[in-house]
Amino acid sequence: MTESGNIGLIDRLQVLPYETEWHVDEALVPKLPDRLTDRQKQRKVHNLLQELRRSGSIVNQGTRSHPEWVIAEAPRD
């Protein structure tokens, strides 16, 4: 899920101006295996967002309580 989840989320962010964490949950949670509990699915999505943030692929332009995830701008030389 991680690699394909990353690609799916990045694709959504290229089309939309931003994604809230709620929208990300709504889009990705149904695609996760049924063997995971709802809590595990939410944690997996949270971890995916944090992985993308730490890698510099996305940034939060909202607040901590209401994140708005956008694709990070490429650094200018």
PDB file of N, CA and C in Angstrom:
ATOM      1  N   MET A   1       0.822  -1.201   0.000  1.00  0.00           N
ATOM      2  CA  MET A   1       0.000   0.000   0.000  1.00  0.00           C
ATOM      3  C   MET A   1       0.855   1.249   0.000  1.00  0.00           C
ATOM      4  N   THR A   2       2.009   1.176   0.592  1.00  0.00           N
ATOM      5  CA  THR A   2       2.788   2.402   0.747  1.00  0.00           C
ATOM      6  C   THR A   2       3.130   3.033  -0.601  1.00  0.00           C
ATOM      7  N   GLU A   3       3.766   2.293  -1.499  1.00  0.00           N
ATOM      8  CA  GLU A   3       4.176   2.874  -2.767  1.00  0.00           C
ATOM      9  C   GLU A   3       2.973   3.277  -3.608  1.00  0.00           C
ATOM     10  N   SER A   4       1.998   2.397  -3.769  1.00  0.00           N
ATOM     11  CA  SER A   4       0.825   2.746  -4.566  1.00  0.00           C
ATOM     12  C   SER A   4      -0.006   3.816  -3.863  1.00  0.00           C
ATOM     13  N   GLY A   5      -0.043   3.790  -2.527  1.00  0.00           N
ATOM     14  CA  GLY A   5      -0.745   4.826  -1.780  1.00  0.00           C
ATOM     15  C   GLY A   5      -0.105   6.180  -1.988  1.00  0.00           C
ATOM     16  N   ASN A   6       1.234   6.204  -1.978  1.00  0.00           N
ATOM     17  CA  ASN A   6       1.957   7.453  -2.227  1.00  0.00           C
ATOM     18  C   ASN A   6       1.599   7.997  -3.600  1.00  0.00           C
ATOM     19  N   ILE A   7       1.619   7.122  -4.596  1.00  0.00           N
ATOM     20  CA  ILE A   7       1.346   7.553  -5.963  1.00  0.00           C
ATOM     21  C   ILE A   7      -0.085   8.054  -6.085  1.00  0.00           C
ATOM     22  N   GLY A   8      -1.037   7.328  -5.490  1.00  0.00           N
ATOM     23  CA  GLY A   8      -2.434   7.746  -5.559  1.00  0.00           C
ATOM     24  C   GLY A   8      -2.662   9.086  -4.890  1.00  0.00           C
ATOM     25  N   LEU A   9      -2.045   9.296  -3.757  1.00  0.00           N
ATOM     26  CA  LEU A   9      -2.206  10.556  -3.042  1.00  0.00           C
ATOM     27  C   LEU A   9      -1.553  11.699  -3.811  1.00  0.00           C
ATOM     28  N   ILE A  10      -0.371  11.472  -4.332  1.00  0.00           N
ATOM     29  CA  ILE A  10       0.310  12.516  -5.119  1.00  0.00           C
ATOM     30  C   ILE A  10      -0.508  12.851  -6.362  1.00  0.00           C
ATOM     31  N   ASP A  11      -1.086  11.834  -7.027  1.00  0.00           N
ATOM     32  CA  ASP A  11      -1.935  12.087  -8.196  1.00  0.00           C
ATOM     33  C   ASP A  11      -3.127  12.958  -7.829  1.00  0.00           C
ATOM     34  N   ARG A  12      -3.765  12.670  -6.687  1.00  0.00           N
ATOM     35  CA  ARG A  12      -4.913  13.471  -6.240  1.00  0.00           C
ATOM     36  C   ARG A  12      -4.487  14.908  -5.967  1.00  0.00           C
ATOM     37  N   LEU A  13      -3.323  15.084  -5.365  1.00  0.00           N
ATOM     38  CA  LEU A  13      -2.862  16.435  -5.034  1.00  0.00           C
ATOM     39  C   LEU A  13      -2.481  17.227  -6.280  1.00  0.00           C
ATOM     40  N   GLN A  14      -2.114  16.550  -7.358  1.00  0.00           N
ATOM     41  CA  GLN A  14      -1.793  17.259  -8.594  1.00  0.00           C
ATOM     42  C   GLN A  14      -3.047  17.811  -9.249  1.00  0.00           C
ATOM     43  N   VAL A  15      -4.196  17.173  -8.995  1.00  0.00           N
ATOM     44  CA  VAL A  15      -5.463  17.613  -9.585  1.00  0.00           C
ATOM     45  C   VAL A  15      -6.173  18.617  -8.688  1.00  0.00           C
ATOM     46  N   LEU A  16      -6.135  18.375  -7.385  1.00  0.00           N
ATOM     47  CA  LEU A  16      -6.839  19.226  -6.424  1.00  0.00           C
ATOM     48  C   LEU A  16      -5.876  20.239  -5.809  1.00  0.00           C
ATOM     49  N   PRO A  17      -6.381  21.391  -5.383  1.00  0.00           N
ATOM     50  CA  PRO A  17      -5.479  22.384  -4.783  1.00  0.00           C
ATOM     51  C   PRO A  17      -4.881  21.918  -3.460  1.00  0.00           C
ATOM     52  N   TYR A  18      -5.656  21.151  -2.688  1.00  0.00           N
ATOM     53  CA  TYR A  18      -5.166  20.602  -1.428  1.00  0.00           C
ATOM     54  C   TYR A  18      -6.074  19.463  -1.002  1.00  0.00           C
ATOM     55  N   GLU A  19      -5.613  18.683  -0.045  1.00  0.00           N
ATOM     56  CA  GLU A  19      -6.396  17.593   0.531  1.00  0.00           C
ATOM     57  C   GLU A  19      -6.378  17.734   2.042  1.00  0.00           C
ATOM     58  N   THR A  20      -7.536  17.620   2.658  1.00  0.00           N
ATOM     59  CA  THR A  20      -7.572  17.566   4.110  1.00  0.00           C
ATOM     60  C   THR A  20      -7.330  16.124   4.529  1.00  0.00           C
ATOM     61  N   GLU A  21      -6.977  15.921   5.778  1.00  0.00           N
ATOM     62  CA  GLU A  21      -6.745  14.559   6.247  1.00  0.00           C
ATOM     63  C   GLU A  21      -8.025  13.742   6.148  1.00  0.00           C
ATOM     64  N   TRP A  22      -9.165  14.383   6.340  1.00  0.00           N
ATOM     65  CA  TRP A  22     -10.442  13.681   6.220  1.00  0.00           C
ATOM     66  C   TRP A  22     -10.643  13.167   4.798  1.00  0.00           C
ATOM     67  N   HIS A  23     -10.342  13.999   3.796  1.00  0.00           N
ATOM     68  CA  HIS A  23     -10.478  13.570   2.403  1.00  0.00           C
ATOM     69  C   HIS A  23      -9.525  12.423   2.080  1.00  0.00           C
ATOM     70  N   VAL A  24      -8.335  12.490   2.610  1.00  0.00           N
ATOM     71  CA  VAL A  24      -7.367  11.412   2.385  1.00  0.00           C
ATOM     72  C   VAL A  24      -7.892  10.113   2.991  1.00  0.00           C
ATOM     73  N   ASP A  25      -8.411  10.194   4.212  1.00  0.00           N
ATOM     74  CA  ASP A  25      -8.998   9.012   4.853  1.00  0.00           C
ATOM     75  C   ASP A  25     -10.111   8.431   3.996  1.00  0.00           C
ATOM     76  N   GLU A  26     -11.017   9.288   3.532  1.00  0.00           N
ATOM     77  CA  GLU A  26     -12.153   8.838   2.726  1.00  0.00           C
ATOM     78  C   GLU A  26     -11.696   8.168   1.427  1.00  0.00           C
ATOM     79  N   ALA A  27     -10.598   8.642   0.865  1.00  0.00           N
ATOM     80  CA  ALA A  27     -10.113   8.091  -0.403  1.00  0.00           C
ATOM     81  C   ALA A  27      -9.313   6.801  -0.224  1.00  0.00           C
ATOM     82  N   LEU A  28      -8.497   6.729   0.821  1.00  0.00           N
ATOM     83  CA  LEU A  28      -7.576   5.601   0.947  1.00  0.00           C
ATOM     84  C   LEU A  28      -8.049   4.469   1.850  1.00  0.00           C
ATOM     85  N   VAL A  29      -8.795   4.772   2.895  1.00  0.00           N
ATOM     86  CA  VAL A  29      -9.215   3.734   3.846  1.00  0.00           C
ATOM     87  C   VAL A  29      -9.980   2.606   3.161  1.00  0.00           C
ATOM     88  N   PRO A  30     -10.933   2.877   2.249  1.00  0.00           N
ATOM     89  CA  PRO A  30     -11.652   1.772   1.609  1.00  0.00           C
ATOM     90  C   PRO A  30     -10.759   0.864   0.764  1.00  0.00           C
ATOM     91  N   LYS A  31      -9.600   1.349   0.344  1.00  0.00           N
ATOM     92  CA  LYS A  31      -8.692   0.560  -0.485  1.00  0.00           C
ATOM     93  C   LYS A  31      -7.783  -0.358   0.328  1.00  0.00           C
ATOM     94  N   LEU A  32      -7.773  -0.187   1.640  1.00  0.00           N
ATOM     95  CA  LEU A  32      -6.934  -1.010   2.509  1.00  0.00           C
ATOM     96  C   LEU A  32      -7.598  -2.365   2.755  1.00  0.00           C
ATOM     97  N   PRO A  33      -6.800  -3.382   3.078  1.00  0.00           N
ATOM     98  CA  PRO A  33      -7.352  -4.724   3.283  1.00  0.00           C
ATOM     99  C   PRO A  33      -8.373  -4.776   4.408  1.00  0.00           C
ATOM    100  N   ASP A  34      -9.377  -5.610   4.235  1.00  0.00           N
ATOM    101  CA  ASP A  34     -10.431  -5.767   5.238  1.00  0.00           C
ATOM    102  C   ASP A  34      -9.926  -6.400   6.525  1.00  0.00           C
ATOM    103  N   ARG A  35      -8.792  -7.068   6.462  1.00  0.00           N
ATOM    104  CA  ARG A  35      -8.269  -7.718   7.670  1.00  0.00           C
ATOM    105  C   ARG A  35      -7.793  -6.707   8.714  1.00  0.00           C
ATOM    106  N   LEU A  36      -7.590  -5.451   8.300  1.00  0.00           N
ATOM    107  CA  LEU A  36      -7.192  -4.404   9.235  1.00  0.00           C
ATOM    108  C   LEU A  36      -8.425  -3.817   9.912  1.00  0.00           C
ATOM    109  N   THR A  37      -8.281  -3.460  11.175  1.00  0.00           N
ATOM    110  CA  THR A  37      -9.373  -2.780  11.875  1.00  0.00           C
ATOM    111  C   THR A  37      -9.443  -1.332  11.384  1.00  0.00           C
ATOM    112  N   ASP A  38     -10.538  -0.657  11.705  1.00  0.00           N
ATOM    113  CA  ASP A  38     -10.671   0.748  11.309  1.00  0.00           C
ATOM    114  C   ASP A  38      -9.543   1.591  11.896  1.00  0.00           C
ATOM    115  N   ARG A  39      -9.180   1.324  13.128  1.00  0.00           N
ATOM    116  CA  ARG A  39      -8.089   2.058  13.781  1.00  0.00           C
ATOM    117  C   ARG A  39      -6.766   1.823  13.054  1.00  0.00           C
ATOM    118  N   GLN A  40      -6.513   0.571  12.656  1.00  0.00           N
ATOM    119  CA  GLN A  40      -5.278   0.257  11.943  1.00  0.00           C
ATOM    120  C   GLN A  40      -5.244   0.948  10.584  1.00  0.00           C
ATOM    121  N   LYS A  41      -6.384   1.019   9.920  1.00  0.00           N
ATOM    122  CA  LYS A  41      -6.461   1.691   8.626  1.00  0.00           C
ATOM    123  C   LYS A  41      -6.175   3.185   8.778  1.00  0.00           C
ATOM    124  N   GLN A  42      -6.772   3.806   9.792  1.00  0.00           N
ATOM    125  CA  GLN A  42      -6.531   5.226  10.022  1.00  0.00           C
ATOM    126  C   GLN A  42      -5.064   5.483  10.351  1.00  0.00           C
ATOM    127  N   ARG A  43      -4.457   4.608  11.149  1.00  0.00           N
ATOM    128  CA  ARG A  43      -3.044   4.747  11.515  1.00  0.00           C
ATOM    129  C   ARG A  43      -2.166   4.603  10.277  1.00  0.00           C
ATOM    130  N   LYS A  44      -2.518   3.687   9.386  1.00  0.00           N
ATOM    131  CA  LYS A  44      -1.735   3.477   8.168  1.00  0.00           C
ATOM    132  C   LYS A  44      -1.769   4.727   7.284  1.00  0.00           C
ATOM    133  N   VAL A  45      -2.952   5.338   7.153  1.00  0.00           N
ATOM    134  CA  VAL A  45      -3.072   6.562   6.366  1.00  0.00           C
ATOM    135  C   VAL A  45      -2.273   7.682   7.029  1.00  0.00           C
ATOM    136  N   HIS A  46      -2.363   7.793   8.344  1.00  0.00           N
ATOM    137  CA  HIS A  46      -1.594   8.800   9.082  1.00  0.00           C
ATOM    138  C   HIS A  46      -0.091   8.606   8.846  1.00  0.00           C
ATOM    139  N   ASN A  47       0.358   7.371   8.925  1.00  0.00           N
ATOM    140  CA  ASN A  47       1.772   7.080   8.713  1.00  0.00           C
ATOM    141  C   ASN A  47       2.200   7.406   7.283  1.00  0.00           C
ATOM    142  N   LEU A  48       1.327   7.149   6.319  1.00  0.00           N
ATOM    143  CA  LEU A  48       1.617   7.479   4.927  1.00  0.00           C
ATOM    144  C   LEU A  48       1.802   8.989   4.770  1.00  0.00           C
ATOM    145  N   LEU A  49       0.895   9.770   5.353  1.00  0.00           N
ATOM    146  CA  LEU A  49       1.022  11.227   5.274  1.00  0.00           C
ATOM    147  C   LEU A  49       2.332  11.700   5.910  1.00  0.00           C
ATOM    148  N   GLN A  50       2.681  11.137   7.054  1.00  0.00           N
ATOM    149  CA  GLN A  50       3.916  11.537   7.731  1.00  0.00           C
ATOM    150  C   GLN A  50       5.149  11.144   6.912  1.00  0.00           C
ATOM    151  N   GLU A  51       5.098   9.982   6.287  1.00  0.00           N
ATOM    152  CA  GLU A  51       6.220   9.545   5.439  1.00  0.00           C
ATOM    153  C   GLU A  51       6.410  10.510   4.271  1.00  0.00           C
ATOM    154  N   LEU A  52       5.312  10.904   3.640  1.00  0.00           N
ATOM    155  CA  LEU A  52       5.394  11.846   2.528  1.00  0.00           C
ATOM    156  C   LEU A  52       5.870  13.220   3.000  1.00  0.00           C
ATOM    157  N   ARG A  53       5.420  13.637   4.181  1.00  0.00           N
ATOM    158  CA  ARG A  53       5.854  14.933   4.729  1.00  0.00           C
ATOM    159  C   ARG A  53       7.347  14.915   5.027  1.00  0.00           C
ATOM    160  N   ARG A  54       7.798  13.851   5.668  1.00  0.00           N
ATOM    161  CA  ARG A  54       9.225  13.764   6.028  1.00  0.00           C
ATOM    162  C   ARG A  54      10.133  13.670   4.800  1.00  0.00           C
ATOM    163  N   SER A  55       9.624  13.084   3.725  1.00  0.00           N
ATOM    164  CA  SER A  55      10.427  12.975   2.507  1.00  0.00           C
ATOM    165  C   SER A  55      10.423  14.279   1.713  1.00  0.00           C
ATOM    166  N   GLY A  56       9.563  15.226   2.119  1.00  0.00           N
ATOM    167  CA  GLY A  56       9.504  16.510   1.432  1.00  0.00           C
ATOM    168  C   GLY A  56       8.575  16.510   0.229  1.00  0.00           C
ATOM    169  N   SER A  57       7.785  15.453   0.034  1.00  0.00           N
ATOM    170  CA  SER A  57       6.871  15.378  -1.103  1.00  0.00           C
ATOM    171  C   SER A  57       5.634  16.242  -0.907  1.00  0.00           C
ATOM    172  N   ILE A  58       5.155  16.340   0.341  1.00  0.00           N
ATOM    173  CA  ILE A  58       3.982  17.151   0.639  1.00  0.00           C
ATOM    174  C   ILE A  58       4.279  18.041   1.839  1.00  0.00           C
ATOM    175  N   VAL A  59       3.521  19.121   1.943  1.00  0.00           N
ATOM    176  CA  VAL A  59       3.642  20.017   3.099  1.00  0.00           C
ATOM    177  C   VAL A  59       2.236  20.355   3.587  1.00  0.00           C
ATOM    178  N   ASN A  60       2.130  20.657   4.865  1.00  0.00           N
ATOM    179  CA  ASN A  60       0.865  21.055   5.460  1.00  0.00           C
ATOM    180  C   ASN A  60       0.778  22.576   5.430  1.00  0.00           C
ATOM    181  N   GLN A  61      -0.207  23.097   4.715  1.00  0.00           N
ATOM    182  CA  GLN A  61      -0.404  24.541   4.682  1.00  0.00           C
ATOM    183  C   GLN A  61      -1.567  24.964   5.564  1.00  0.00           C
ATOM    184  N   GLY A  62      -2.136  23.996   6.278  1.00  0.00           N
ATOM    185  CA  GLY A  62      -3.204  24.304   7.224  1.00  0.00           C
ATOM    186  C   GLY A  62      -2.628  24.374   8.624  1.00  0.00           C
ATOM    187  N   THR A  63      -3.447  24.015   9.594  1.00  0.00           N
ATOM    188  CA  THR A  63      -2.999  23.994  10.983  1.00  0.00           C
ATOM    189  C   THR A  63      -2.809  22.553  11.418  1.00  0.00           C
ATOM    190  N   ARG A  64      -2.304  22.363  12.611  1.00  0.00           N
ATOM    191  CA  ARG A  64      -2.141  20.995  13.121  1.00  0.00           C
ATOM    192  C   ARG A  64      -3.487  20.309  13.297  1.00  0.00           C
ATOM    193  N   SER A  65      -4.498  21.075  13.723  1.00  0.00           N
ATOM    194  CA  SER A  65      -5.811  20.469  13.947  1.00  0.00           C
ATOM    195  C   SER A  65      -6.641  20.356  12.657  1.00  0.00           C
ATOM    196  N   HIS A  66      -6.316  21.139  11.647  1.00  0.00           N
ATOM    197  CA  HIS A  66      -7.016  21.096  10.365  1.00  0.00           C
ATOM    198  C   HIS A  66      -5.986  21.144   9.226  1.00  0.00           C
ATOM    199  N   PRO A  67      -5.256  20.032   9.024  1.00  0.00           N
ATOM    200  CA  PRO A  67      -4.207  20.039   8.001  1.00  0.00           C
ATOM    201  C   PRO A  67      -4.771  20.139   6.591  1.00  0.00           C
ATOM    202  N   GLU A  68      -4.056  20.831   5.742  1.00  0.00           N
ATOM    203  CA  GLU A  68      -4.351  20.922   4.321  1.00  0.00           C
ATOM    204  C   GLU A  68      -3.067  20.558   3.592  1.00  0.00           C
ATOM    205  N   TRP A  69      -3.040  19.345   3.042  1.00  0.00           N
ATOM    206  CA  TRP A  69      -1.831  18.818   2.420  1.00  0.00           C
ATOM    207  C   TRP A  69      -1.745  19.247   0.969  1.00  0.00           C
ATOM    208  N   VAL A  70      -0.586  19.751   0.568  1.00  0.00           N
ATOM    209  CA  VAL A  70      -0.324  20.158  -0.816  1.00  0.00           C
ATOM    210  C   VAL A  70       1.025  19.579  -1.235  1.00  0.00           C
ATOM    211  N   ILE A  71       1.218  19.483  -2.542  1.00  0.00           N
ATOM    212  CA  ILE A  71       2.511  19.021  -3.058  1.00  0.00           C
ATOM    213  C   ILE A  71       3.553  20.086  -2.762  1.00  0.00           C
ATOM    214  N   ALA A  72       4.695  19.667  -2.285  1.00  0.00           N
ATOM    215  CA  ALA A  72       5.778  20.602  -1.976  1.00  0.00           C
ATOM    216  C   ALA A  72       6.348  21.159  -3.269  1.00  0.00           C
ATOM    217  N   GLU A  73       6.655  22.438  -3.240  1.00  0.00           N
ATOM    218  CA  GLU A  73       7.281  23.064  -4.395  1.00  0.00           C
ATOM    219  C   GLU A  73       8.719  22.598  -4.500  1.00  0.00           C
ATOM    220  N   ALA A  74       9.167  22.444  -5.724  1.00  0.00           N
ATOM    221  CA  ALA A  74      10.562  22.053  -5.935  1.00  0.00           C
ATOM    222  C   ALA A  74      11.459  23.204  -5.532  1.00  0.00           C
ATOM    223  N   PRO A  75      12.555  22.923  -4.847  1.00  0.00           N
ATOM    224  CA  PRO A  75      13.456  24.005  -4.446  1.00  0.00           C
ATOM    225  C   PRO A  75      14.039  24.716  -5.665  1.00  0.00           C
ATOM    226  N   ARG A  76      14.145  26.020  -5.565  1.00  0.00           N
ATOM    227  CA  ARG A  76      14.712  26.798  -6.683  1.00  0.00           C
ATOM    228  C   ARG A  76      16.222  26.870  -6.511  1.00  0.00           C
ATOM    229  N   ASP A  77      16.907  26.756  -7.622  1.00  0.00           N
ATOM    230  CA  ASP A  77      18.377  26.816  -7.596  1.00  0.00           C
ATOM    231  C   ASP A  77      18.877  28.225  -7.641  1.00  0.00           C
TER     232      ASP A  77
END
